[in-house]
Amino acid sequence: MSITPTPRVGIVVVAAGSGERLGAGAPKAFVGIDDHSILNHALRGVFRGPVAQVVVVAPAERAGDALTEALAVADRTDAAAPLPSGRRRDLVHVVAGAATRQGSVAAGLGALWAGIEVVLVHDAARALTPPEVFERVVAAVDETGAGVVPVLPVVDTLKRVAGSDVVEAVDRAPLAAAQTPQGFPRDVLDAAYRAAAAEFTDDTALVAAAGGRITTVPGHASAFKITTPADLERARSLVQDAGAYVQPHPHTSLAGAPAAPRVGIGTDVHAFGGEGELWLAGLRWPGEPALSGHSDGDAVAHAIVDALLAAAGLGDIGTHFGVDRPEFAGAHASAFLRRTLGLLGEAGWRVGNVSVQVQAGRPRFAARRAEAERTLSDALGGAPVSVSATTTDGLGFTGRTEGVAAFAVALLIPA
């Protein structure tokens, strides 16, 4: 097993914004440009740049989705240009953001490894920033020891106005439009954040206020910030027309040979004592006591989810469906399995088959086994699911009918 060496560069990707001005009804970073989100596109530029620890700062309720996006892009990048040793996915971390951008960056800085020497802070909203901008910023930090911001010259004629009246023209010659990633020596940025007593619009302003020197490198026209619906349409047009971000399939090698199938194991346990009726294996069981849990307590469905996610290397059920995800409170098997199927598809996998065993004193599965298999299979897009059931001869909590345990094995095949 290869070991990914600790890099000297860390990149904090800020993706915790609400995106109110975008008006898409979702956190900005998770709005689609094409078949992929803003965050997905932003991470493509990040991973194609210098090898770095990548810390994604996401809304707390979308941390699982952010991790899925990051791991998928990391795997895709390694398929195109593998690291000399190790894997890019080992360099990925996701942390919850704060109420302000500055607080979110501070959270990201707190997750950086001790050996990181150069830190880049990048807005995910600048989703089409090419990798050469990251490389320019790192090189300039190394050369100058200062903070570095990529900039573009201001080309529009500028006016200072009061209400609707023009007061005067503004000389644009000394002005520049700032972009990200903005780079700093680690100790300089950490010290500036410790000293910060006010909110700043970007990190170079914060460092400058602490007395740090800031220099510039050329930015890039594609690194514009997606803020409004018009910006989003511009990004969509660029991606569609240029095709600049098309990369090899995440699970296809350079030689074109598909990756091997993967197997995952999952388990789940729930106690009786919930409200309402029992839901198990995607079925409603009238007259049976309910299982307790954040959702409906369906141990069978949850074990399947864990097995599928484990096979794909996408974390576990708590990562994507934890108690911090209120939309899954009381949800049934179909919601979990269909969402998991989507996560697998985004990462380049399809379900081969699933086998799950239920251990319980009640309910009796024999009469409804075929129905359970059909229901679970339908939720997984038709992939075959087999269900078996057993008791434990009165032993343990299942034997005392205090709860239900389920154990699943899943096979994934490259899509």
Protein backbone atom coordinates (compact mmCIF):
# COMPACT_ATOMS: atom_id res chain seq x y z
CA MET A 1 0.00 0.00 0.00
CA SER A 2 1.44 3.38 -1.03
CA ILE A 3 1.72 6.23 1.43
CA THR A 4 1.02 9.77 0.31
CA PRO A 5 3.82 12.05 1.53
CA THR A 6 2.86 15.17 3.46
CA PRO A 7 2.93 18.13 1.06
CA ARG A 8 4.25 21.59 1.93
CA VAL A 9 1.28 23.39 0.34
CA GLY A 10 -2.22 23.55 1.78
CA ILE A 11 -5.27 24.84 -0.11
CA VAL A 12 -8.37 25.96 1.79
CA VAL A 13 -11.37 25.87 -0.57
CA VAL A 14 -14.16 28.07 0.79
CA ALA A 15 -17.49 26.55 -0.22
CA ALA A 16 -19.75 27.49 2.70
CA GLY A 17 -21.64 30.41 1.15
CA SER A 18 -25.43 30.44 0.97
CA GLY A 19 -25.59 31.80 -2.57
CA GLU A 20 -28.58 34.06 -1.94
CA ARG A 21 -27.71 36.36 -4.86
CA LEU A 22 -27.53 33.34 -7.15
CA GLY A 23 -31.12 32.50 -6.27
CA ALA A 24 -30.74 28.79 -6.98
CA GLY A 25 -32.36 27.55 -3.76
CA ALA A 26 -29.23 25.70 -2.60
CA PRO A 27 -25.80 26.55 -1.22
CA LYS A 28 -23.87 28.09 -4.09
CA ALA A 29 -21.08 25.51 -4.25
CA PHE A 30 -23.61 22.70 -4.88
CA VAL A 31 -25.41 24.37 -7.77
CA GLY A 32 -24.76 22.67 -11.09
CA ILE A 33 -22.77 24.15 -13.95
CA ASP A 34 -23.35 21.12 -16.18
CA ASP A 35 -23.67 17.58 -14.84
CA HIS A 36 -21.32 18.66 -12.04
CA SER A 37 -21.50 21.26 -9.31
CA ILE A 38 -19.61 24.51 -8.91
CA LEU A 39 -17.53 22.83 -6.19
CA ASN A 40 -16.71 19.89 -8.46
CA HIS A 41 -15.40 22.20 -11.17
CA ALA A 42 -13.44 24.29 -8.66
CA LEU A 43 -11.73 21.20 -7.29
CA ARG A 44 -10.63 20.14 -10.77
CA GLY A 45 -8.40 23.20 -10.98
CA VAL A 46 -7.22 22.66 -7.41
CA PHE A 47 -6.19 19.03 -7.92
CA ARG A 48 -4.54 19.70 -11.27
CA GLY A 49 -2.32 22.33 -9.64
CA PRO A 50 0.49 21.76 -7.13
CA VAL A 51 0.22 18.68 -4.90
CA ALA A 52 -1.40 19.98 -1.72
CA GLN A 53 -3.47 19.12 1.30
CA VAL A 54 -6.97 20.22 0.30
CA VAL A 55 -9.38 21.38 3.00
CA VAL A 56 -12.92 22.03 1.77
CA VAL A 57 -15.00 24.28 4.03
CA ALA A 58 -18.68 23.48 3.44
CA PRO A 59 -22.02 24.13 5.12
CA ALA A 60 -22.32 21.69 8.04
CA GLU A 61 -25.40 20.06 6.52
CA ARG A 62 -23.60 19.44 3.21
CA ALA A 63 -20.26 18.17 4.54
CA GLY A 64 -21.01 14.64 3.32
CA ASP A 65 -21.79 15.86 -0.19
CA ALA A 66 -18.62 17.97 -0.20
CA LEU A 67 -16.56 14.92 0.74
CA THR A 68 -18.15 12.89 -2.04
CA GLU A 69 -17.35 15.62 -4.59
CA ALA A 70 -13.77 15.98 -3.39
CA LEU A 71 -13.00 12.26 -3.38
CA ALA A 72 -14.51 11.79 -6.84
CA VAL A 73 -12.41 14.60 -8.32
CA ALA A 74 -9.29 13.37 -6.52
CA ASP A 75 -9.75 9.89 -7.98
CA ARG A 76 -10.43 11.31 -11.44
CA THR A 77 -7.27 13.41 -11.28
CA ASP A 78 -5.16 10.44 -10.21
CA ALA A 79 -6.56 8.44 -13.12
CA ALA A 80 -5.21 11.12 -15.47
CA ALA A 81 -1.96 11.93 -13.63
CA PRO A 82 -1.19 9.64 -10.69
CA LEU A 83 0.93 10.89 -7.81
CA PRO A 84 4.44 9.43 -7.74
CA SER A 85 3.45 7.90 -4.40
CA GLY A 86 0.07 7.64 -2.77
CA ARG A 87 -3.33 9.03 -3.69
CA ARG A 88 -4.81 12.50 -3.78
CA ARG A 89 -7.88 11.34 -1.84
CA ASP A 90 -5.59 10.89 1.19
CA LEU A 91 -4.96 14.65 1.07
CA VAL A 92 -8.66 15.60 1.31
CA HIS A 93 -10.38 16.97 4.41
CA VAL A 94 -13.81 18.57 4.86
CA VAL A 95 -14.74 20.88 7.72
CA ALA A 96 -17.91 22.79 8.60
CA GLY A 97 -18.01 26.48 7.80
CA ALA A 98 -18.97 29.41 10.00
CA ALA A 99 -21.42 32.31 9.74
CA THR A 100 -18.86 34.51 7.94
CA ARG A 101 -16.29 33.90 5.25
CA GLN A 102 -13.51 34.88 7.64
CA GLY A 103 -14.77 32.38 10.20
CA SER A 104 -14.94 29.70 7.54
CA VAL A 105 -11.36 30.32 6.45
CA ALA A 106 -10.26 30.15 10.09
CA ALA A 107 -11.96 26.74 10.36
CA GLY A 108 -10.09 25.57 7.28
CA LEU A 109 -6.76 26.83 8.60
CA GLY A 110 -7.34 24.86 11.79
CA ALA A 111 -7.48 21.62 9.78
CA LEU A 112 -4.13 22.07 8.04
CA TRP A 113 -1.30 19.69 8.92
CA ALA A 114 1.64 20.96 10.94
CA GLY A 115 4.05 20.55 8.03
CA ILE A 116 2.21 22.93 5.70
CA GLU A 117 4.42 25.92 4.82
CA VAL A 118 2.43 27.74 2.11
CA VAL A 119 -1.33 28.28 2.32
CA LEU A 120 -3.64 29.18 -0.55
CA VAL A 121 -7.19 30.35 0.13
CA HIS A 122 -9.53 29.85 -2.81
CA ASP A 123 -13.21 30.65 -3.33
CA ALA A 124 -15.10 27.70 -4.83
CA ALA A 125 -17.26 30.29 -6.59
CA ARG A 126 -14.27 30.95 -8.88
CA ALA A 127 -14.94 27.51 -10.26
CA LEU A 128 -13.09 27.75 -13.58
CA THR A 129 -9.75 28.98 -12.25
CA PRO A 130 -7.10 27.05 -14.22
CA PRO A 131 -4.28 25.19 -12.43
CA GLU A 132 -1.56 27.50 -13.69
CA VAL A 133 -2.90 30.29 -11.46
CA PHE A 134 -2.36 28.10 -8.39
CA GLU A 135 1.17 27.34 -9.55
CA ARG A 136 1.95 31.04 -10.13
CA VAL A 137 0.74 31.97 -6.66
CA VAL A 138 2.80 29.26 -4.93
CA ALA A 139 5.92 30.24 -6.90
CA ALA A 140 5.47 33.91 -5.98
CA VAL A 141 4.99 33.14 -2.27
CA ASP A 142 8.21 31.10 -2.33
CA GLU A 143 10.10 33.85 -4.16
CA THR A 144 8.88 36.88 -2.18
CA GLY A 145 7.85 35.54 1.23
CA ALA A 146 4.85 37.89 0.92
CA GLY A 147 1.14 37.48 0.48
CA VAL A 148 0.20 37.02 -3.18
CA VAL A 149 -3.02 37.87 -5.00
CA PRO A 150 -3.77 37.15 -8.67
CA VAL A 151 -5.18 40.23 -10.38
CA LEU A 152 -6.56 41.42 -13.70
CA PRO A 153 -6.36 45.00 -14.97
CA VAL A 154 -9.58 47.01 -14.76
CA VAL A 155 -10.74 47.64 -18.34
CA ASP A 156 -14.05 49.41 -17.79
CA THR A 157 -14.24 53.17 -17.48
CA LEU A 158 -14.96 53.91 -13.82
CA LYS A 159 -17.14 56.67 -12.37
CA ARG A 160 -17.70 57.80 -8.81
CA VAL A 161 -21.43 58.37 -8.33
CA ALA A 162 -23.80 59.77 -5.75
CA GLY A 163 -27.22 58.23 -6.23
CA SER A 164 -27.83 58.45 -9.97
CA ASP A 165 -25.47 61.37 -10.52
CA VAL A 166 -21.88 61.04 -11.74
CA VAL A 167 -19.51 62.92 -9.44
CA GLU A 168 -16.22 62.34 -11.23
CA ALA A 169 -14.20 59.94 -13.33
CA VAL A 170 -11.86 57.53 -11.54
CA ASP A 171 -8.39 56.83 -12.89
CA ARG A 172 -8.31 53.09 -13.50
CA ALA A 173 -4.55 52.88 -14.13
CA PRO A 174 -3.56 52.07 -10.53
CA LEU A 175 -6.51 49.71 -9.98
CA ALA A 176 -6.71 45.94 -10.37
CA ALA A 177 -9.44 43.34 -9.85
CA ALA A 178 -8.45 40.79 -7.19
CA GLN A 179 -9.08 37.06 -7.63
CA THR A 180 -8.30 33.85 -5.77
CA PRO A 181 -6.40 31.72 -4.86
CA GLN A 182 -4.56 34.11 -2.57
CA GLY A 183 -1.36 32.68 -1.13
CA PHE A 184 0.67 33.29 2.01
CA PRO A 185 3.48 31.87 4.09
CA ARG A 186 1.70 29.77 6.72
CA ASP A 187 3.07 31.70 9.70
CA VAL A 188 2.10 35.07 8.19
CA LEU A 189 -1.52 34.06 7.58
CA ASP A 190 -1.90 32.35 10.96
CA ALA A 191 -0.56 35.42 12.76
CA ALA A 192 -2.88 37.74 10.84
CA TYR A 193 -5.91 35.65 11.72
CA ARG A 194 -4.95 35.59 15.38
CA ALA A 195 -4.67 39.39 15.35
CA ALA A 196 -7.83 40.09 13.33
CA ALA A 197 -10.23 42.40 15.15
CA ALA A 198 -12.57 43.12 12.24
CA GLU A 199 -14.11 41.44 9.21
CA PHE A 200 -12.29 41.85 5.89
CA THR A 201 -13.51 41.17 2.37
CA ASP A 202 -10.58 38.94 1.49
CA ASP A 203 -7.45 37.47 3.03
CA THR A 204 -4.95 39.88 1.50
CA ALA A 205 -6.83 42.78 3.13
CA LEU A 206 -6.66 40.95 6.47
CA VAL A 207 -2.94 40.29 6.14
CA ALA A 208 -2.25 43.85 4.96
CA ALA A 209 -4.10 45.21 7.99
CA ALA A 210 -1.76 43.16 10.18
CA GLY A 211 1.24 44.79 8.49
CA GLY A 212 1.98 42.09 5.93
CA ARG A 213 3.32 42.82 2.46
CA ILE A 214 1.14 41.89 -0.52
CA THR A 215 2.33 41.42 -4.10
CA THR A 216 0.54 40.37 -7.28
CA VAL A 217 0.70 37.85 -10.10
CA PRO A 218 -1.39 37.79 -13.28
CA GLY A 219 -4.84 36.32 -12.82
CA HIS A 220 -7.00 34.68 -15.47
CA ALA A 221 -10.19 35.71 -17.26
CA SER A 222 -11.77 32.33 -16.49
CA ALA A 223 -11.33 32.88 -12.74
CA PHE A 224 -14.36 35.16 -12.46
CA LYS A 225 -16.59 34.75 -9.43
CA ILE A 226 -19.99 33.10 -9.91
CA THR A 227 -22.30 35.39 -7.93
CA THR A 228 -25.39 36.11 -10.03
CA PRO A 229 -27.53 34.03 -12.43
CA ALA A 230 -25.76 35.78 -15.33
CA ASP A 231 -22.39 34.63 -13.98
CA LEU A 232 -23.69 31.07 -13.77
CA GLU A 233 -24.88 31.17 -17.37
CA ARG A 234 -21.48 32.51 -18.43
CA ALA A 235 -19.77 29.60 -16.68
CA ARG A 236 -22.13 27.10 -18.27
CA SER A 237 -21.47 28.56 -21.70
CA LEU A 238 -17.69 28.42 -21.23
CA VAL A 239 -17.76 24.81 -20.06
CA GLN A 240 -20.07 23.74 -22.87
CA ASP A 241 -18.21 25.59 -25.62
CA ALA A 242 -14.62 25.00 -24.59
CA GLY A 243 -14.82 21.48 -23.18
CA ALA A 244 -11.69 22.44 -21.31
CA TYR A 245 -12.49 20.51 -18.19
CA VAL A 246 -13.30 17.12 -19.67
CA GLN A 247 -11.07 14.52 -18.02
CA PRO A 248 -10.75 10.72 -18.11
CA HIS A 249 -13.36 8.71 -16.29
CA PRO A 250 -12.54 8.55 -12.58
CA HIS A 251 -12.16 4.79 -12.67
CA THR A 252 -10.38 4.36 -16.01
CA SER A 253 -6.63 4.07 -16.23
CA LEU A 254 -4.53 5.77 -18.89
CA ALA A 255 -4.33 2.45 -20.70
CA GLY A 256 -8.12 2.28 -20.81
CA ALA A 257 -8.43 -0.82 -18.64
CA PRO A 258 -11.34 -0.59 -16.20
CA ALA A 259 -10.70 -0.64 -12.48
CA ALA A 260 -11.45 -3.87 -10.68
CA PRO A 261 -14.82 -4.40 -8.99
CA ARG A 262 -14.96 -3.53 -5.30
CA VAL A 263 -16.66 -5.20 -2.33
CA GLY A 264 -17.94 -3.45 0.78
CA ILE A 265 -19.37 -4.65 4.09
CA GLY A 266 -21.98 -2.82 6.12
CA THR A 267 -23.83 -3.40 9.38
CA ASP A 268 -26.52 -1.62 11.35
CA VAL A 269 -28.41 -2.13 14.59
CA HIS A 270 -31.58 -0.47 15.88
CA ALA A 271 -33.59 -1.05 19.04
CA PHE A 272 -37.34 -1.32 19.21
CA GLY A 273 -38.99 1.66 20.87
CA GLY A 274 -39.59 4.19 18.12
CA GLU A 275 -42.84 5.96 17.33
CA GLY A 276 -45.37 4.71 14.80
CA GLU A 277 -45.11 1.42 12.91
CA LEU A 278 -42.19 -0.75 11.95
CA TRP A 279 -40.37 -0.10 8.66
CA LEU A 280 -37.81 -2.74 7.71
CA ALA A 281 -36.24 -3.77 4.38
CA GLY A 282 -38.21 -0.95 2.76
CA LEU A 283 -41.53 -2.45 3.88
CA ARG A 284 -44.15 -1.32 6.36
CA TRP A 285 -45.01 -3.97 8.96
CA PRO A 286 -48.43 -3.19 10.49
CA GLY A 287 -48.85 -4.27 14.08
CA GLU A 288 -45.12 -4.55 14.76
CA PRO A 289 -43.28 -2.18 17.14
CA ALA A 290 -41.27 0.55 15.48
CA LEU A 291 -37.48 0.77 15.57
CA SER A 292 -35.90 3.91 17.00
CA GLY A 293 -33.58 6.11 14.99
CA HIS A 294 -33.07 9.47 13.27
CA SER A 295 -34.94 8.16 10.25
CA ASP A 296 -37.28 5.16 10.33
CA GLY A 297 -34.66 2.88 11.91
CA ASP A 298 -34.60 0.52 8.91
CA ALA A 299 -31.48 -1.47 9.84
CA VAL A 300 -31.62 -3.48 6.61
CA ALA A 301 -31.57 -0.44 4.32
CA HIS A 302 -28.93 1.26 6.45
CA ALA A 303 -26.62 -1.75 6.36
CA ILE A 304 -26.93 -1.79 2.57
CA VAL A 305 -26.06 1.91 2.38
CA ASP A 306 -22.99 1.38 4.54
CA ALA A 307 -21.83 -1.55 2.39
CA LEU A 308 -22.24 0.43 -0.84
CA LEU A 309 -20.45 3.51 0.47
CA ALA A 310 -17.65 1.39 1.91
CA ALA A 311 -17.09 -0.36 -1.41
CA ALA A 312 -16.80 3.00 -3.19
CA GLY A 313 -14.59 4.54 -0.52
CA LEU A 314 -17.14 7.29 0.10
CA GLY A 315 -17.31 7.18 3.88
CA ASP A 316 -20.28 5.76 5.73
CA ILE A 317 -23.95 6.43 6.39
CA GLY A 318 -23.15 8.96 9.11
CA THR A 319 -21.10 10.98 6.62
CA HIS A 320 -24.02 11.53 4.26
CA PHE A 321 -27.20 10.88 6.28
CA GLY A 322 -26.30 11.81 9.87
CA VAL A 323 -28.45 13.53 12.46
CA ASP A 324 -27.24 16.88 11.09
CA ARG A 325 -29.26 16.19 7.90
CA PRO A 326 -32.85 17.09 8.89
CA GLU A 327 -34.18 16.20 5.44
CA PHE A 328 -33.61 12.52 6.29
CA ALA A 329 -35.45 12.60 9.61
CA GLY A 330 -38.16 9.94 9.33
CA ALA A 331 -37.08 9.02 5.79
CA HIS A 332 -37.64 5.50 4.48
CA ALA A 333 -35.35 3.10 2.63
CA SER A 334 -36.06 4.46 -0.84
CA ALA A 335 -34.74 7.93 0.06
CA PHE A 336 -31.48 6.50 1.43
CA LEU A 337 -30.89 3.99 -1.34
CA ARG A 338 -31.70 6.33 -4.22
CA ARG A 339 -29.45 9.04 -2.85
CA THR A 340 -26.68 6.48 -2.36
CA LEU A 341 -27.18 5.27 -5.92
CA GLY A 342 -26.67 8.86 -7.09
CA LEU A 343 -23.47 9.23 -5.06
CA LEU A 344 -22.12 6.02 -6.57
CA GLY A 345 -22.95 7.17 -10.09
CA GLU A 346 -21.16 10.48 -9.54
CA ALA A 347 -18.09 8.54 -8.42
CA GLY A 348 -18.18 6.24 -11.46
CA TRP A 349 -19.72 3.07 -9.99
CA ARG A 350 -22.81 0.96 -10.52
CA VAL A 351 -24.21 -1.71 -8.21
CA GLY A 352 -23.45 -5.32 -9.15
CA ASN A 353 -25.47 -6.99 -6.41
CA VAL A 354 -26.19 -6.82 -2.69
CA SER A 355 -26.71 -9.58 -0.13
CA VAL A 356 -28.12 -8.73 3.30
CA GLN A 357 -28.85 -10.90 6.33
CA VAL A 358 -31.30 -9.87 9.03
CA GLN A 359 -30.93 -11.13 12.60
CA ALA A 360 -34.12 -10.66 14.58
CA GLY A 361 -36.71 -12.48 16.65
CA ARG A 362 -39.41 -10.40 14.95
CA PRO A 363 -40.84 -9.74 12.43
CA ARG A 364 -40.96 -13.03 10.51
CA PHE A 365 -39.45 -12.49 7.07
CA ALA A 366 -40.31 -15.73 5.29
CA ALA A 367 -43.65 -14.63 3.85
CA ARG A 368 -42.37 -11.22 2.68
CA ARG A 369 -38.80 -12.00 1.60
CA ALA A 370 -39.51 -11.74 -2.14
CA GLU A 371 -41.42 -8.49 -1.63
CA ALA A 372 -38.52 -7.02 0.35
CA GLU A 373 -36.03 -8.03 -2.34
CA ARG A 374 -38.15 -6.38 -5.07
CA THR A 375 -38.55 -3.18 -3.07
CA LEU A 376 -34.85 -2.85 -2.28
CA SER A 377 -33.85 -3.76 -5.83
CA ASP A 378 -36.20 -1.14 -7.30
CA ALA A 379 -34.67 1.53 -5.05
CA LEU A 380 -31.21 0.57 -6.36
CA GLY A 381 -32.17 0.91 -10.00
CA GLY A 382 -32.89 -2.77 -10.53
CA ALA A 383 -29.65 -4.17 -9.11
CA PRO A 384 -30.29 -7.63 -7.60
CA VAL A 385 -30.73 -7.71 -3.82
CA SER A 386 -31.02 -10.93 -1.84
CA VAL A 387 -32.38 -10.98 1.70
CA SER A 388 -31.98 -13.76 4.23
CA ALA A 389 -33.17 -13.84 7.82
CA THR A 390 -32.22 -15.78 10.92
CA THR A 391 -32.80 -15.80 14.65
CA THR A 392 -30.16 -16.21 17.33
CA ASP A 393 -31.92 -18.95 19.31
CA GLY A 394 -32.88 -16.58 22.09
CA LEU A 395 -29.33 -15.28 22.56
CA GLY A 396 -28.39 -11.61 22.81
CA PHE A 397 -30.52 -8.52 22.29
CA THR A 398 -32.02 -9.86 19.05
CA GLY A 399 -32.92 -13.12 20.77
CA ARG A 400 -34.65 -11.12 23.50
CA THR A 401 -36.51 -9.20 20.70
CA GLU A 402 -35.02 -5.92 21.88
CA GLY A 403 -33.93 -4.88 18.40
CA VAL A 404 -32.81 -5.83 14.90
CA ALA A 405 -29.34 -6.29 13.41
CA ALA A 406 -28.49 -6.44 9.72
CA PHE A 407 -25.29 -7.29 7.84
CA ALA A 408 -24.78 -6.50 4.15
CA VAL A 409 -22.19 -7.23 1.46
CA ALA A 410 -22.21 -5.18 -1.75
CA LEU A 411 -20.39 -5.56 -5.06
CA LEU A 412 -19.68 -2.46 -7.17
CA ILE A 413 -18.64 -2.49 -10.82
CA PRO A 414 -17.03 0.43 -12.73
CA ALA A 415 -19.74 2.25 -14.65
